[in-house]
Amino acid sequence: RNLVTAVVIGASALVGCGGGSDGSSDVIVPVDGRPANPAWSQLDPAMKDTLSAIAEQYDISREEARERIGWQNAFAMAATGIEEKYPNAFSQAAITNELPARTVISFKGPVPPDVASMLVTVPREVEIRLSGGHEFTSEEIAQRVSNAMRAANDTGLIHATSAGFDYDSGTVQIVGRPTNPNADKRKDAQRIEEALNRMGLASTVYLTERATAGSDAGN
């Protein structure tokens, strides 16, 4: 059972751990000096309440909830600190697996040399992979998503409702309603994709009458 498939820090992005371009690098952060995942008795009341609610929702024990999720806040806070310090390098941070805990933090260009020291608060049970050589920073991804959504609307073929970045394919994924409900949705989606590709914005477009603001990709 996977309670949280992924957590993404930084740009509005769909999860993925796409490979880097030439010069990519992947290293695992050493566990020396990192604390153990706090026991239930060591958690603050707010965290206990949160994990208890999650345990009840997913019909699992509080201990399993602690093992799966109790460390995620520490990871998110550390990743946010790295993003703030290296806005011109940080690309994304994602939780790729809960139990065993695996995460990845990606960068445009090389991994900054002191990043490992900024992750000492993340429990030792969490595997943290640092990945360099990616194409875009978090800010650049956010800008591409914004530009693509605006350009899609400008075609007059779609009322775009949401958009995100897919790391695996390197494309912006756009969801929206067709402006002409009687049009061929597949053909109009292809026309929008071609228009965006000519602008250097690789994209995948989904047209559906059910699209609402913030919706996921649909039919």
Protein backbone atom coordinates (compact mmCIF):
# COMPACT_ATOMS: atom_id res chain seq x y z
CA ARG A 1 0.00 0.00 0.00
CA ASN A 2 1.43 3.29 -1.08
CA LEU A 3 -0.14 6.13 0.88
CA VAL A 4 1.74 8.99 -0.66
CA THR A 5 3.04 8.19 -4.12
CA ALA A 6 5.23 11.27 -4.32
CA VAL A 7 5.87 14.62 -2.78
CA VAL A 8 7.36 17.28 -5.01
CA ILE A 9 9.13 20.33 -3.63
CA GLY A 10 9.59 23.42 -5.78
CA ALA A 11 7.97 24.00 -9.15
CA SER A 12 4.45 22.92 -9.99
CA ALA A 13 5.46 19.54 -11.32
CA LEU A 14 4.30 16.03 -11.95
CA VAL A 15 6.53 13.53 -10.26
CA GLY A 16 9.30 11.80 -12.12
CA CYS A 17 12.98 11.16 -11.86
CA GLY A 18 14.09 11.67 -15.42
CA GLY A 19 17.70 11.07 -16.25
CA GLY A 20 20.13 13.92 -16.53
CA SER A 21 21.72 15.19 -19.69
CA ASP A 22 25.42 14.74 -20.45
CA GLY A 23 27.45 15.26 -17.31
CA SER A 24 24.75 13.85 -15.05
CA SER A 25 25.72 12.52 -11.66
CA ASP A 26 23.99 10.45 -9.01
CA VAL A 27 25.25 10.02 -5.46
CA ILE A 28 23.69 8.63 -2.28
CA VAL A 29 23.92 10.87 0.79
CA PRO A 30 25.90 9.09 3.54
CA VAL A 31 24.05 8.27 6.75
CA ASP A 32 26.84 9.30 9.15
CA GLY A 33 25.53 11.68 11.79
CA ARG A 34 21.90 11.51 10.70
CA PRO A 35 19.35 10.75 13.46
CA ALA A 36 17.09 7.72 13.65
CA ASN A 37 13.46 8.07 12.66
CA PRO A 38 11.84 9.35 15.91
CA ALA A 39 9.92 6.78 17.94
CA TRP A 40 6.22 7.39 18.53
CA SER A 41 6.89 8.65 22.07
CA GLN A 42 9.28 11.29 20.68
CA LEU A 43 6.79 12.83 18.27
CA ASP A 44 5.08 16.10 19.09
CA PRO A 45 1.29 16.07 19.69
CA ALA A 46 0.48 17.61 16.30
CA MET A 47 2.42 14.92 14.44
CA LYS A 48 0.80 12.19 16.53
CA ASP A 49 -2.64 13.56 15.63
CA THR A 50 -1.72 13.68 11.94
CA LEU A 51 -0.35 10.16 11.86
CA SER A 52 -3.28 8.80 13.87
CA ALA A 53 -5.70 10.29 11.33
CA ILE A 54 -3.71 8.80 8.45
CA ALA A 55 -3.61 5.40 10.15
CA GLU A 56 -7.37 5.45 10.57
CA GLN A 57 -7.99 6.63 7.01
CA TYR A 58 -5.87 3.88 5.45
CA ASP A 59 -6.66 1.19 8.02
CA ILE A 60 -3.05 0.72 9.11
CA SER A 61 -1.34 0.87 12.48
CA ARG A 62 0.02 4.10 13.91
CA GLU A 63 3.48 2.52 13.81
CA GLU A 64 3.20 1.82 10.09
CA ALA A 65 2.02 5.38 9.52
CA ARG A 66 5.04 6.64 11.48
CA GLU A 67 7.45 4.54 9.42
CA ARG A 68 5.92 5.61 6.12
CA ILE A 69 5.27 9.28 6.73
CA GLY A 70 6.81 10.44 10.02
CA TRP A 71 10.08 11.43 8.32
CA GLN A 72 8.58 13.32 5.37
CA ASN A 73 8.35 16.71 7.08
CA ALA A 74 12.08 16.67 7.87
CA PHE A 75 12.85 15.85 4.25
CA ALA A 76 10.54 18.57 2.94
CA MET A 77 12.07 21.21 5.23
CA ALA A 78 15.62 20.24 4.26
CA ALA A 79 14.77 20.29 0.54
CA THR A 80 13.13 23.71 0.89
CA GLY A 81 16.30 25.04 2.50
CA ILE A 82 18.37 23.70 -0.39
CA GLU A 83 16.01 25.26 -2.93
CA GLU A 84 16.26 28.63 -1.18
CA LYS A 85 20.07 28.49 -1.08
CA TYR A 86 20.52 27.25 -4.67
CA PRO A 87 17.63 28.65 -6.74
CA ASN A 88 19.82 28.61 -9.88
CA ALA A 89 20.62 24.91 -9.48
CA PHE A 90 17.72 23.24 -7.65
CA SER A 91 15.39 21.32 -9.94
CA GLN A 92 13.12 19.18 -7.78
CA ALA A 93 12.86 17.02 -4.68
CA ALA A 94 10.59 13.99 -4.65
CA ILE A 95 9.66 11.07 -2.44
CA THR A 96 9.84 8.07 -4.73
CA ASN A 97 9.02 5.36 -2.19
CA GLU A 98 7.73 5.31 1.37
CA LEU A 99 8.77 1.98 2.83
CA PRO A 100 11.66 1.55 2.47
CA ALA A 101 11.99 5.32 2.30
CA ARG A 102 13.64 6.57 -0.89
CA THR A 103 13.94 10.16 -2.12
CA VAL A 104 15.71 12.12 -4.83
CA ILE A 105 16.84 15.74 -5.09
CA SER A 106 17.73 16.87 -8.58
CA PHE A 107 19.82 19.76 -9.86
CA LYS A 108 20.56 21.57 -13.08
CA GLY A 109 24.29 21.15 -13.57
CA PRO A 110 26.47 19.60 -10.87
CA VAL A 111 25.24 18.85 -7.36
CA PRO A 112 26.39 21.70 -5.04
CA PRO A 113 29.22 20.42 -2.84
CA ASP A 114 27.64 21.12 0.56
CA VAL A 115 24.16 19.71 -0.09
CA ALA A 116 24.80 16.52 1.88
CA SER A 117 25.57 18.57 5.00
CA MET A 118 22.17 20.27 4.65
CA LEU A 119 20.39 16.92 4.95
CA VAL A 120 21.69 15.87 8.37
CA THR A 121 18.25 16.28 9.95
CA VAL A 122 16.65 13.67 7.68
CA PRO A 123 16.43 10.28 9.43
CA ARG A 124 19.08 7.73 8.54
CA GLU A 125 16.44 5.26 7.37
CA VAL A 126 15.71 7.53 4.39
CA GLU A 127 17.78 6.94 1.27
CA ILE A 128 18.53 10.30 -0.35
CA ARG A 129 19.82 10.31 -3.91
CA LEU A 130 21.36 13.50 -5.30
CA SER A 131 21.07 13.76 -9.07
CA GLY A 132 22.86 16.36 -11.18
CA GLY A 133 22.88 17.29 -14.84
CA HIS A 134 19.17 17.96 -15.31
CA GLU A 135 17.88 20.34 -17.93
CA PHE A 136 15.87 22.88 -15.93
CA THR A 137 15.79 24.51 -12.53
CA SER A 138 12.59 24.59 -10.50
CA GLU A 139 12.04 28.23 -11.47
CA GLU A 140 12.59 27.45 -15.15
CA ILE A 141 10.12 24.58 -14.97
CA ALA A 142 7.52 26.84 -13.37
CA GLN A 143 8.06 29.42 -16.13
CA ARG A 144 7.74 26.80 -18.88
CA VAL A 145 4.50 25.54 -17.36
CA SER A 146 3.11 29.08 -17.18
CA ASN A 147 4.20 29.91 -20.75
CA ALA A 148 2.75 26.69 -22.14
CA MET A 149 -0.59 27.16 -20.41
CA ARG A 150 -0.85 30.73 -21.71
CA ALA A 151 0.13 29.70 -25.24
CA ALA A 152 -2.37 26.84 -25.21
CA ASN A 153 -5.19 29.22 -24.31
CA ASP A 154 -4.03 31.61 -27.02
CA THR A 155 -4.75 28.97 -29.68
CA GLY A 156 -8.47 29.43 -29.00
CA LEU A 157 -8.95 25.66 -28.97
CA ILE A 158 -8.84 25.07 -25.22
CA HIS A 159 -9.87 26.50 -21.88
CA ALA A 160 -6.82 25.23 -20.00
CA THR A 161 -7.60 24.34 -16.40
CA SER A 162 -4.32 22.90 -15.11
CA ALA A 163 -0.77 22.18 -16.16
CA GLY A 164 2.31 20.51 -14.73
CA PHE A 165 5.74 19.28 -15.71
CA ASP A 166 6.49 15.61 -16.31
CA TYR A 167 10.12 14.84 -15.45
CA ASP A 168 10.17 11.50 -17.27
CA SER A 169 9.30 12.96 -20.66
CA GLY A 170 10.48 16.54 -20.12
CA THR A 171 7.12 17.83 -21.30
CA VAL A 172 4.47 20.17 -19.97
CA GLN A 173 1.18 18.35 -19.49
CA ILE A 174 -1.92 20.48 -20.00
CA VAL A 175 -5.51 19.63 -19.18
CA GLY A 176 -8.52 21.63 -20.32
CA ARG A 177 -11.96 21.80 -21.87
CA PRO A 178 -12.36 22.18 -25.64
CA THR A 179 -13.74 25.57 -26.62
CA ASN A 180 -15.84 23.78 -29.24
CA PRO A 181 -17.50 20.77 -27.59
CA ASN A 182 -18.33 19.31 -31.01
CA ALA A 183 -14.74 19.40 -32.29
CA ASP A 184 -12.50 16.36 -32.62
CA LYS A 185 -10.68 16.44 -29.28
CA ARG A 186 -7.74 14.36 -30.46
CA LYS A 187 -7.12 16.54 -33.50
CA ASP A 188 -7.44 19.77 -31.54
CA ALA A 189 -5.09 18.45 -28.86
CA GLN A 190 -2.57 17.58 -31.57
CA ARG A 191 -2.89 21.05 -33.09
CA ILE A 192 -2.21 22.65 -29.70
CA GLU A 193 0.81 20.40 -29.12
CA GLU A 194 2.22 21.30 -32.54
CA ALA A 195 1.76 25.02 -31.85
CA LEU A 196 3.57 24.72 -28.52
CA ASN A 197 6.34 22.57 -30.00
CA ARG A 198 7.05 25.32 -32.54
CA MET A 199 7.62 27.62 -29.56
CA GLY A 200 10.09 25.17 -28.03
CA LEU A 201 7.57 24.04 -25.41
CA ALA A 202 7.27 20.26 -25.67
CA SER A 203 3.84 19.33 -24.38
CA THR A 204 1.11 16.77 -24.02
CA VAL A 205 -2.46 18.08 -24.13
CA TYR A 206 -5.60 16.41 -22.78
CA LEU A 207 -9.02 17.74 -23.79
CA THR A 208 -12.03 16.64 -21.78
CA GLU A 209 -15.43 18.11 -21.03
CA ARG A 210 -14.90 17.09 -17.40
CA ALA A 211 -11.82 19.28 -16.91
CA THR A 212 -12.04 21.66 -13.97
CA ALA A 213 -9.48 23.97 -12.41
CA GLY A 214 -6.72 21.89 -10.83
CA SER A 215 -7.87 18.63 -12.45
CA ASP A 216 -5.53 15.81 -13.45
CA ALA A 217 -5.01 14.60 -16.98
CA GLY A 218 -8.23 13.04 -18.24
CA ASN A 219 -9.72 11.58 -21.35
